Amino acid sequence: MIALFFSGILLFCHSHAALSTKGNGDHPNADEVMWKLPLTYLRQSLGSYTNLRCGYQRFYNETHRSYNVLTRKWEKKPYEKYDLYFRYTNGRLTSQPRYVRNVTNNTIHMGNRYEEWFAATSQLQILFSDMNSCVITNNPDPAFNKACNLMVTKDKFSGPPQ
């Protein structure tokens, strides 16, 4: 079963790489992936998620108010965010929200807090994307960083959650 899963992932990646017009889907620009694929659904994963019904990730902006001590005024500032959601068969929903700190090539460095003085706590490495319908990432959770996730857009998913 596991060998079949790995073969399926390799075949899927190979077919997308062969169909790519640019031929540079490996290790794509993470900024471009965030902009072109803001919402994708978990199609396959190498992580062992017991009783997982569905999963999805999204990139979005969130605005926070903070007090600027230099100008003595409240300011609103937008922050880029990433979230990975998992819904289990028992109805439980887990969420892993992160603030995007920095983007370096195909790696998104993220933190748990929006304030700049807090360091990045995790990273999402984008291994492959066709910039249209799929992206393959490493799980951003340091406890499961070896798990690869194949994420696809809603129109390429056979039965996305409603």
N, C-alpha and C. Protein backbone atom coordinates (compact mmCIF):
# COMPACT_ATOMS: atom_id res chain seq x y z
N MET A 1 0.82 -1.19 0.00
CA MET A 1 0.00 0.00 0.00
C MET A 1 0.87 1.26 0.00
N ILE A 2 1.90 1.26 0.85
CA ILE A 2 2.78 2.42 0.92
C ILE A 2 3.56 2.57 -0.38
N ALA A 3 4.03 1.46 -0.92
CA ALA A 3 4.77 1.52 -2.19
C ALA A 3 3.88 2.04 -3.31
N LEU A 4 2.62 1.65 -3.31
CA LEU A 4 1.67 2.14 -4.31
C LEU A 4 1.46 3.64 -4.16
N PHE A 5 1.37 4.11 -2.92
CA PHE A 5 1.20 5.54 -2.66
C PHE A 5 2.40 6.33 -3.19
N PHE A 6 3.63 5.86 -2.86
CA PHE A 6 4.83 6.54 -3.35
C PHE A 6 4.88 6.54 -4.87
N SER A 7 4.52 5.42 -5.48
CA SER A 7 4.52 5.33 -6.94
C SER A 7 3.53 6.32 -7.53
N GLY A 8 2.37 6.45 -6.90
CA GLY A 8 1.36 7.40 -7.36
C GLY A 8 1.85 8.83 -7.28
N ILE A 9 2.49 9.19 -6.18
CA ILE A 9 3.05 10.54 -6.02
C ILE A 9 4.11 10.80 -7.09
N LEU A 10 5.00 9.85 -7.29
CA LEU A 10 6.05 10.02 -8.29
C LEU A 10 5.46 10.15 -9.69
N LEU A 11 4.47 9.34 -10.01
CA LEU A 11 3.83 9.41 -11.32
C LEU A 11 3.13 10.75 -11.51
N PHE A 12 2.42 11.21 -10.46
CA PHE A 12 1.72 12.49 -10.53
C PHE A 12 2.71 13.62 -10.75
N CYS A 13 3.78 13.64 -9.96
CA CYS A 13 4.79 14.70 -10.09
C CYS A 13 5.46 14.64 -11.45
N HIS A 14 5.78 13.44 -11.90
CA HIS A 14 6.44 13.29 -13.19
C HIS A 14 5.54 13.77 -14.33
N SER A 15 4.25 13.46 -14.26
CA SER A 15 3.35 13.88 -15.32
C SER A 15 3.20 15.39 -15.34
N HIS A 16 3.15 16.02 -14.16
CA HIS A 16 3.06 17.48 -14.13
C HIS A 16 4.36 18.12 -14.60
N ALA A 17 5.49 17.54 -14.24
CA ALA A 17 6.77 18.08 -14.68
C ALA A 17 6.92 17.95 -16.19
N ALA A 18 6.45 16.84 -16.75
CA ALA A 18 6.55 16.63 -18.20
C ALA A 18 5.63 17.56 -18.96
N LEU A 19 4.49 17.92 -18.36
CA LEU A 19 3.54 18.79 -19.04
C LEU A 19 3.85 20.26 -18.85
N SER A 20 4.72 20.59 -17.93
CA SER A 20 5.05 21.98 -17.65
C SER A 20 5.74 22.61 -18.85
N THR A 21 5.29 23.82 -19.23
CA THR A 21 5.89 24.48 -20.38
C THR A 21 7.24 25.07 -20.01
N LYS A 22 7.39 25.54 -18.78
CA LYS A 22 8.65 26.11 -18.35
C LYS A 22 9.66 25.03 -18.01
N GLY A 23 9.20 23.94 -17.44
CA GLY A 23 10.11 22.88 -17.02
C GLY A 23 10.83 23.18 -15.73
N ASN A 24 10.41 24.22 -14.99
CA ASN A 24 11.09 24.57 -13.75
C ASN A 24 10.14 24.53 -12.56
N GLY A 25 9.32 23.50 -12.46
CA GLY A 25 8.38 23.38 -11.36
C GLY A 25 9.03 22.99 -10.05
N ASP A 26 10.23 22.40 -10.11
CA ASP A 26 10.92 22.02 -8.88
C ASP A 26 11.43 23.26 -8.17
N HIS A 27 11.18 23.33 -6.87
CA HIS A 27 11.63 24.43 -6.01
C HIS A 27 11.25 25.79 -6.58
N PRO A 28 9.95 26.06 -6.76
CA PRO A 28 9.49 27.32 -7.36
C PRO A 28 9.59 28.50 -6.39
N ASN A 29 9.39 29.68 -6.91
CA ASN A 29 9.38 30.90 -6.11
C ASN A 29 8.17 30.86 -5.18
N ALA A 30 8.40 30.92 -3.88
CA ALA A 30 7.32 30.79 -2.90
C ALA A 30 6.36 31.97 -2.95
N ASP A 31 6.85 33.18 -3.24
CA ASP A 31 5.96 34.34 -3.35
C ASP A 31 4.93 34.12 -4.46
N GLU A 32 5.37 33.58 -5.57
CA GLU A 32 4.49 33.32 -6.71
C GLU A 32 3.46 32.23 -6.37
N VAL A 33 3.89 31.21 -5.66
CA VAL A 33 2.96 30.14 -5.26
C VAL A 33 1.89 30.69 -4.32
N MET A 34 2.29 31.52 -3.35
CA MET A 34 1.32 32.10 -2.41
C MET A 34 0.29 32.95 -3.15
N TRP A 35 0.73 33.68 -4.18
CA TRP A 35 -0.16 34.55 -4.92
C TRP A 35 -1.07 33.77 -5.86
N LYS A 36 -0.53 32.76 -6.56
CA LYS A 36 -1.30 32.03 -7.56
C LYS A 36 -2.15 30.89 -6.99
N LEU A 37 -1.76 30.33 -5.85
CA LEU A 37 -2.49 29.21 -5.24
C LEU A 37 -2.82 29.53 -3.78
N PRO A 38 -3.71 30.51 -3.54
CA PRO A 38 -3.99 30.89 -2.15
C PRO A 38 -4.79 29.86 -1.36
N LEU A 39 -5.50 28.96 -2.03
CA LEU A 39 -6.29 27.94 -1.34
C LEU A 39 -6.14 26.61 -2.07
N THR A 40 -5.60 25.62 -1.38
CA THR A 40 -5.43 24.28 -1.96
C THR A 40 -5.85 23.23 -0.95
N TYR A 41 -6.27 22.08 -1.46
CA TYR A 41 -6.79 20.99 -0.64
C TYR A 41 -5.82 19.82 -0.63
N LEU A 42 -5.77 19.13 0.50
CA LEU A 42 -4.88 17.99 0.66
C LEU A 42 -5.38 16.81 -0.16
N ARG A 43 -4.59 16.41 -1.12
CA ARG A 43 -4.94 15.26 -1.98
C ARG A 43 -4.28 13.99 -1.46
N GLN A 44 -3.00 14.06 -1.14
CA GLN A 44 -2.24 12.93 -0.60
C GLN A 44 -1.23 13.48 0.40
N SER A 45 -0.84 12.63 1.35
CA SER A 45 0.16 13.03 2.33
C SER A 45 1.01 11.84 2.72
N LEU A 46 2.27 12.12 3.00
CA LEU A 46 3.16 11.09 3.51
C LEU A 46 3.17 11.09 5.03
N GLY A 47 2.40 11.99 5.64
CA GLY A 47 2.24 12.00 7.09
C GLY A 47 1.22 10.96 7.50
N SER A 48 1.30 10.50 8.73
CA SER A 48 0.32 9.51 9.18
C SER A 48 -0.74 10.25 10.00
N TYR A 49 -1.80 10.64 9.33
CA TYR A 49 -2.90 11.35 9.96
C TYR A 49 -4.05 10.37 10.16
N THR A 50 -4.19 9.86 11.36
CA THR A 50 -5.23 8.88 11.66
C THR A 50 -6.59 9.56 11.65
N ASN A 51 -7.56 8.95 10.98
CA ASN A 51 -8.94 9.42 10.92
C ASN A 51 -9.09 10.81 10.30
N LEU A 52 -8.20 11.17 9.40
CA LEU A 52 -8.29 12.46 8.73
C LEU A 52 -9.34 12.41 7.64
N ARG A 53 -10.27 13.35 7.68
CA ARG A 53 -11.32 13.44 6.65
C ARG A 53 -10.86 14.30 5.49
N CYS A 54 -10.31 15.48 5.80
CA CYS A 54 -9.82 16.37 4.76
C CYS A 54 -8.85 17.39 5.37
N GLY A 55 -8.12 18.05 4.51
CA GLY A 55 -7.20 19.09 4.94
C GLY A 55 -7.06 20.12 3.84
N TYR A 56 -6.77 21.34 4.23
CA TYR A 56 -6.50 22.38 3.24
C TYR A 56 -5.59 23.44 3.83
N GLN A 57 -4.93 24.16 2.94
CA GLN A 57 -4.07 25.26 3.36
C GLN A 57 -4.49 26.52 2.63
N ARG A 58 -4.25 27.66 3.27
CA ARG A 58 -4.57 28.92 2.61
C ARG A 58 -3.58 30.00 3.02
N PHE A 59 -3.36 30.91 2.10
CA PHE A 59 -2.54 32.10 2.32
C PHE A 59 -3.49 33.29 2.29
N TYR A 60 -3.37 34.20 3.24
CA TYR A 60 -4.28 35.34 3.31
C TYR A 60 -3.62 36.46 4.10
N ASN A 61 -4.29 37.63 4.16
CA ASN A 61 -3.80 38.77 4.92
C ASN A 61 -4.70 39.00 6.12
N GLU A 62 -4.10 39.47 7.21
CA GLU A 62 -4.83 39.79 8.43
C GLU A 62 -4.28 41.12 8.95
N THR A 63 -5.17 42.01 9.38
CA THR A 63 -4.76 43.32 9.86
C THR A 63 -4.82 43.36 11.38
N HIS A 64 -3.76 43.94 11.98
CA HIS A 64 -3.70 44.11 13.43
C HIS A 64 -3.49 45.59 13.75
N ARG A 65 -4.05 46.01 14.88
CA ARG A 65 -3.82 47.36 15.39
C ARG A 65 -2.72 47.28 16.43
N SER A 66 -1.79 48.22 16.35
CA SER A 66 -0.74 48.28 17.37
C SER A 66 -0.42 49.75 17.65
N TYR A 67 0.09 49.98 18.84
CA TYR A 67 0.42 51.33 19.26
C TYR A 67 1.87 51.63 18.91
N ASN A 68 2.07 52.70 18.15
CA ASN A 68 3.42 53.14 17.79
C ASN A 68 3.89 54.12 18.85
N VAL A 69 4.90 53.73 19.62
CA VAL A 69 5.37 54.58 20.72
C VAL A 69 6.09 55.82 20.20
N LEU A 70 6.63 55.80 19.00
CA LEU A 70 7.32 56.97 18.46
C LEU A 70 6.35 58.05 18.03
N THR A 71 5.27 57.67 17.35
CA THR A 71 4.29 58.65 16.88
C THR A 71 3.14 58.83 17.87
N ARG A 72 3.07 57.95 18.86
CA ARG A 72 2.00 57.95 19.87
C ARG A 72 0.62 57.85 19.23
N LYS A 73 0.53 56.98 18.23
CA LYS A 73 -0.74 56.76 17.54
C LYS A 73 -0.94 55.27 17.32
N TRP A 74 -2.22 54.90 17.23
CA TRP A 74 -2.56 53.53 16.87
C TRP A 74 -2.45 53.38 15.37
N GLU A 75 -1.89 52.28 14.92
CA GLU A 75 -1.71 52.02 13.50
C GLU A 75 -2.26 50.66 13.14
N LYS A 76 -2.80 50.58 11.92
CA LYS A 76 -3.25 49.29 11.39
C LYS A 76 -2.22 48.83 10.37
N LYS A 77 -1.86 47.55 10.46
CA LYS A 77 -0.86 47.02 9.55
C LYS A 77 -1.30 45.63 9.09
N PRO A 78 -1.28 45.38 7.76
CA PRO A 78 -1.63 44.04 7.27
C PRO A 78 -0.43 43.09 7.38
N TYR A 79 -0.73 41.84 7.70
CA TYR A 79 0.30 40.81 7.80
C TYR A 79 -0.11 39.63 6.93
N GLU A 80 0.88 39.04 6.25
CA GLU A 80 0.63 37.83 5.47
C GLU A 80 0.56 36.65 6.43
N LYS A 81 -0.43 35.78 6.18
CA LYS A 81 -0.60 34.61 7.04
C LYS A 81 -0.72 33.35 6.21
N TYR A 82 -0.46 32.24 6.88
CA TYR A 82 -0.61 30.90 6.31
C TYR A 82 -1.34 30.07 7.35
N ASP A 83 -2.24 29.22 6.90
CA ASP A 83 -2.92 28.32 7.84
C ASP A 83 -3.12 26.97 7.18
N LEU A 84 -2.92 25.93 7.96
CA LEU A 84 -3.12 24.55 7.53
C LEU A 84 -4.20 23.95 8.41
N TYR A 85 -5.31 23.56 7.80
CA TYR A 85 -6.46 23.03 8.54
C TYR A 85 -6.58 21.53 8.30
N PHE A 86 -6.95 20.81 9.36
CA PHE A 86 -7.26 19.38 9.25
C PHE A 86 -8.60 19.13 9.91
N ARG A 87 -9.51 18.45 9.20
CA ARG A 87 -10.79 18.03 9.77
C ARG A 87 -10.79 16.51 9.85
N TYR A 88 -11.12 16.01 11.06
CA TYR A 88 -11.09 14.57 11.32
C TYR A 88 -12.49 13.98 11.28
N THR A 89 -12.57 12.66 11.19
CA THR A 89 -13.86 11.98 11.06
C THR A 89 -14.75 12.18 12.28
N ASN A 90 -14.18 12.49 13.44
CA ASN A 90 -14.99 12.73 14.64
C ASN A 90 -15.49 14.17 14.72
N GLY A 91 -15.23 14.99 13.69
CA GLY A 91 -15.70 16.37 13.65
C GLY A 91 -14.70 17.39 14.16
N ARG A 92 -13.61 16.94 14.75
CA ARG A 92 -12.61 17.86 15.30
C ARG A 92 -11.87 18.57 14.17
N LEU A 93 -11.64 19.87 14.35
CA LEU A 93 -10.92 20.69 13.38
C LEU A 93 -9.67 21.23 14.06
N THR A 94 -8.52 21.03 13.44
CA THR A 94 -7.29 21.63 13.95
C THR A 94 -6.78 22.64 12.94
N SER A 95 -6.12 23.64 13.46
CA SER A 95 -5.62 24.72 12.64
C SER A 95 -4.20 25.06 13.09
N GLN A 96 -3.33 25.36 12.14
CA GLN A 96 -1.95 25.72 12.44
C GLN A 96 -1.64 27.08 11.83
N PRO A 97 -2.21 28.18 12.38
CA PRO A 97 -1.96 29.50 11.79
C PRO A 97 -0.54 29.99 12.05
N ARG A 98 0.04 30.62 11.05
CA ARG A 98 1.39 31.16 11.16
C ARG A 98 1.44 32.51 10.43
N TYR A 99 2.31 33.39 10.90
CA TYR A 99 2.57 34.66 10.24
C TYR A 99 3.80 34.51 9.36
N VAL A 100 3.69 34.96 8.12
CA VAL A 100 4.82 34.87 7.19
C VAL A 100 5.84 35.93 7.61
N ARG A 101 7.03 35.49 7.93
CA ARG A 101 8.11 36.39 8.35
C ARG A 101 8.98 36.81 7.16
N ASN A 102 9.33 35.83 6.35
CA ASN A 102 10.27 36.08 5.26
C ASN A 102 10.09 34.97 4.22
N VAL A 103 10.34 35.31 2.97
CA VAL A 103 10.30 34.32 1.89
C VAL A 103 11.66 34.32 1.21
N THR A 104 12.28 33.15 1.18
CA THR A 104 13.59 32.99 0.54
C THR A 104 13.48 31.87 -0.48
N ASN A 105 13.51 32.23 -1.75
CA ASN A 105 13.40 31.27 -2.85
C ASN A 105 12.14 30.42 -2.69
N ASN A 106 12.29 29.12 -2.37
CA ASN A 106 11.12 28.24 -2.25
C ASN A 106 10.75 27.96 -0.80
N THR A 107 11.27 28.74 0.15
CA THR A 107 11.00 28.52 1.56
C THR A 107 10.29 29.72 2.17
N ILE A 108 9.21 29.43 2.90
CA ILE A 108 8.46 30.47 3.61
C ILE A 108 8.78 30.31 5.09
N HIS A 109 9.39 31.33 5.69
CA HIS A 109 9.73 31.32 7.11
C HIS A 109 8.56 31.96 7.86
N MET A 110 8.09 31.26 8.91
CA MET A 110 6.88 31.70 9.60
C MET A 110 7.07 31.73 11.11
N GLY A 111 6.23 32.54 11.77
CA GLY A 111 6.26 32.62 13.22
C GLY A 111 4.85 32.56 13.78
N ASN A 112 4.76 32.35 15.09
CA ASN A 112 3.46 32.24 15.75
C ASN A 112 2.86 33.59 16.11
N ARG A 113 3.67 34.64 16.17
CA ARG A 113 3.21 35.97 16.54
C ARG A 113 3.47 36.95 15.40
N TYR A 114 2.68 38.02 15.33
CA TYR A 114 2.86 38.98 14.25
C TYR A 114 3.92 40.03 14.55
N GLU A 115 4.27 40.23 15.81
CA GLU A 115 5.26 41.25 16.14
C GLU A 115 6.62 40.88 15.55
N GLU A 116 7.31 41.87 15.00
CA GLU A 116 8.56 41.64 14.27
C GLU A 116 9.67 41.08 15.15
N TRP A 117 9.67 41.40 16.43
CA TRP A 117 10.79 40.97 17.29
C TRP A 117 10.71 39.50 17.67
N PHE A 118 9.61 38.82 17.38
CA PHE A 118 9.53 37.38 17.61
C PHE A 118 10.13 36.65 16.41
N ALA A 119 10.99 35.71 16.69
CA ALA A 119 11.69 34.99 15.62
C ALA A 119 10.77 33.99 14.91
N ALA A 120 11.17 33.61 13.72
CA ALA A 120 10.45 32.57 12.97
C ALA A 120 10.56 31.25 13.73
N THR A 121 9.46 30.51 13.77
CA THR A 121 9.42 29.24 14.52
C THR A 121 9.30 28.02 13.61
N SER A 122 8.93 28.23 12.35
CA SER A 122 8.78 27.10 11.43
C SER A 122 8.99 27.58 10.01
N GLN A 123 9.06 26.62 9.11
CA GLN A 123 9.20 26.98 7.70
C GLN A 123 8.43 25.99 6.84
N LEU A 124 7.91 26.50 5.74
CA LEU A 124 7.20 25.70 4.76
C LEU A 124 8.05 25.69 3.50
N GLN A 125 8.51 24.52 3.14
CA GLN A 125 9.34 24.40 1.94
C GLN A 125 8.48 23.89 0.80
N ILE A 126 8.47 24.64 -0.29
CA ILE A 126 7.69 24.25 -1.47
C ILE A 126 8.61 23.47 -2.39
N LEU A 127 8.29 22.19 -2.55
CA LEU A 127 9.14 21.30 -3.33
C LEU A 127 8.83 21.34 -4.82
N PHE A 128 7.54 21.51 -5.16
CA PHE A 128 7.12 21.52 -6.56
C PHE A 128 5.80 22.27 -6.68
N SER A 129 5.61 22.96 -7.79
CA SER A 129 4.32 23.55 -8.12
C SER A 129 4.27 23.81 -9.62
N ASP A 130 3.09 23.56 -10.20
CA ASP A 130 2.91 23.91 -11.60
C ASP A 130 2.32 25.31 -11.74
N MET A 131 2.13 26.00 -10.62
CA MET A 131 1.62 27.38 -10.52
C MET A 131 0.19 27.52 -11.02
N ASN A 132 -0.47 26.40 -11.24
CA ASN A 132 -1.83 26.44 -11.76
C ASN A 132 -2.78 25.60 -10.93
N SER A 133 -2.38 24.38 -10.58
CA SER A 133 -3.33 23.49 -9.93
C SER A 133 -2.77 22.67 -8.78
N CYS A 134 -1.45 22.58 -8.62
CA CYS A 134 -0.93 21.74 -7.54
C CYS A 134 0.34 22.31 -6.93
N VAL A 135 0.58 21.90 -5.70
CA VAL A 135 1.79 22.27 -4.98
C VAL A 135 2.13 21.12 -4.04
N ILE A 136 3.42 20.79 -3.95
CA ILE A 136 3.89 19.77 -3.02
C ILE A 136 4.77 20.47 -1.99
N THR A 137 4.43 20.30 -0.71
CA THR A 137 5.14 20.98 0.36
C THR A 137 5.59 20.00 1.43
N ASN A 138 6.57 20.43 2.22
CA ASN A 138 6.88 19.74 3.47
C ASN A 138 5.95 20.30 4.53
N ASN A 139 5.55 19.49 5.48
CA ASN A 139 4.70 19.95 6.56
C ASN A 139 5.46 20.99 7.39
N PRO A 140 4.83 22.15 7.71
CA PRO A 140 5.54 23.19 8.46
C PRO A 140 5.72 22.87 9.95
N ASP A 141 5.00 21.88 10.47
CA ASP A 141 5.13 21.52 11.87
C ASP A 141 6.47 20.81 12.08
N PRO A 142 7.36 21.36 12.94
CA PRO A 142 8.67 20.73 13.14
C PRO A 142 8.60 19.28 13.60
N ALA A 143 7.52 18.89 14.25
CA ALA A 143 7.38 17.50 14.70
C ALA A 143 7.14 16.55 13.54
N PHE A 144 6.60 17.07 12.41
CA PHE A 144 6.30 16.23 11.25
C PHE A 144 6.93 16.80 9.98
N ASN A 145 8.12 17.35 10.08
CA ASN A 145 8.71 18.06 8.94
C ASN A 145 9.15 17.14 7.80
N LYS A 146 9.14 15.84 7.99
CA LYS A 146 9.48 14.92 6.90
C LYS A 146 8.26 14.55 6.06
N ALA A 147 7.07 14.93 6.52
CA ALA A 147 5.84 14.59 5.81
C ALA A 147 5.64 15.53 4.62
N CYS A 148 5.44 14.97 3.44
CA CYS A 148 5.15 15.74 2.24
C CYS A 148 3.64 15.75 2.01
N ASN A 149 3.13 16.90 1.60
CA ASN A 149 1.71 17.02 1.30
C ASN A 149 1.52 17.43 -0.15
N LEU A 150 0.66 16.72 -0.86
CA LEU A 150 0.27 17.08 -2.22
C LEU A 150 -1.04 17.85 -2.10
N MET A 151 -1.00 19.12 -2.45
CA MET A 151 -2.17 19.99 -2.37
C MET A 151 -2.60 20.37 -3.78
N VAL A 152 -3.92 20.34 -4.03
CA VAL A 152 -4.45 20.68 -5.35
C VAL A 152 -5.58 21.69 -5.20
N THR A 153 -5.89 22.40 -6.28
CA THR A 153 -6.98 23.37 -6.26
C THR A 153 -8.32 22.65 -6.27
N LYS A 154 -9.36 23.39 -5.94
CA LYS A 154 -10.70 22.80 -5.81
C LYS A 154 -11.17 22.14 -7.10
N ASP A 155 -10.89 22.76 -8.24
CA ASP A 155 -11.36 22.18 -9.51
C ASP A 155 -10.61 20.91 -9.91
N LYS A 156 -9.44 20.66 -9.33
CA LYS A 156 -8.69 19.44 -9.62
C LYS A 156 -8.92 18.34 -8.59
N PHE A 157 -9.67 18.65 -7.57
CA PHE A 157 -9.93 17.69 -6.49
C PHE A 157 -11.21 16.94 -6.82
N SER A 158 -11.21 15.63 -6.58
CA SER A 158 -12.38 14.82 -6.94
C SER A 158 -13.58 15.09 -6.05
N GLY A 159 -13.37 15.50 -4.83
CA GLY A 159 -14.48 15.77 -3.93
C GLY A 159 -14.07 16.68 -2.79
N PRO A 160 -13.84 18.00 -3.06
CA PRO A 160 -13.40 18.89 -2.00
C PRO A 160 -14.49 19.11 -0.96
N PRO A 161 -14.11 19.46 0.26
CA PRO A 161 -15.12 19.71 1.30
C PRO A 161 -15.98 20.91 0.95
N GLN A 162 -17.21 20.87 1.36
CA GLN A 162 -18.14 21.97 1.08
C GLN A 162 -18.17 22.97 2.22
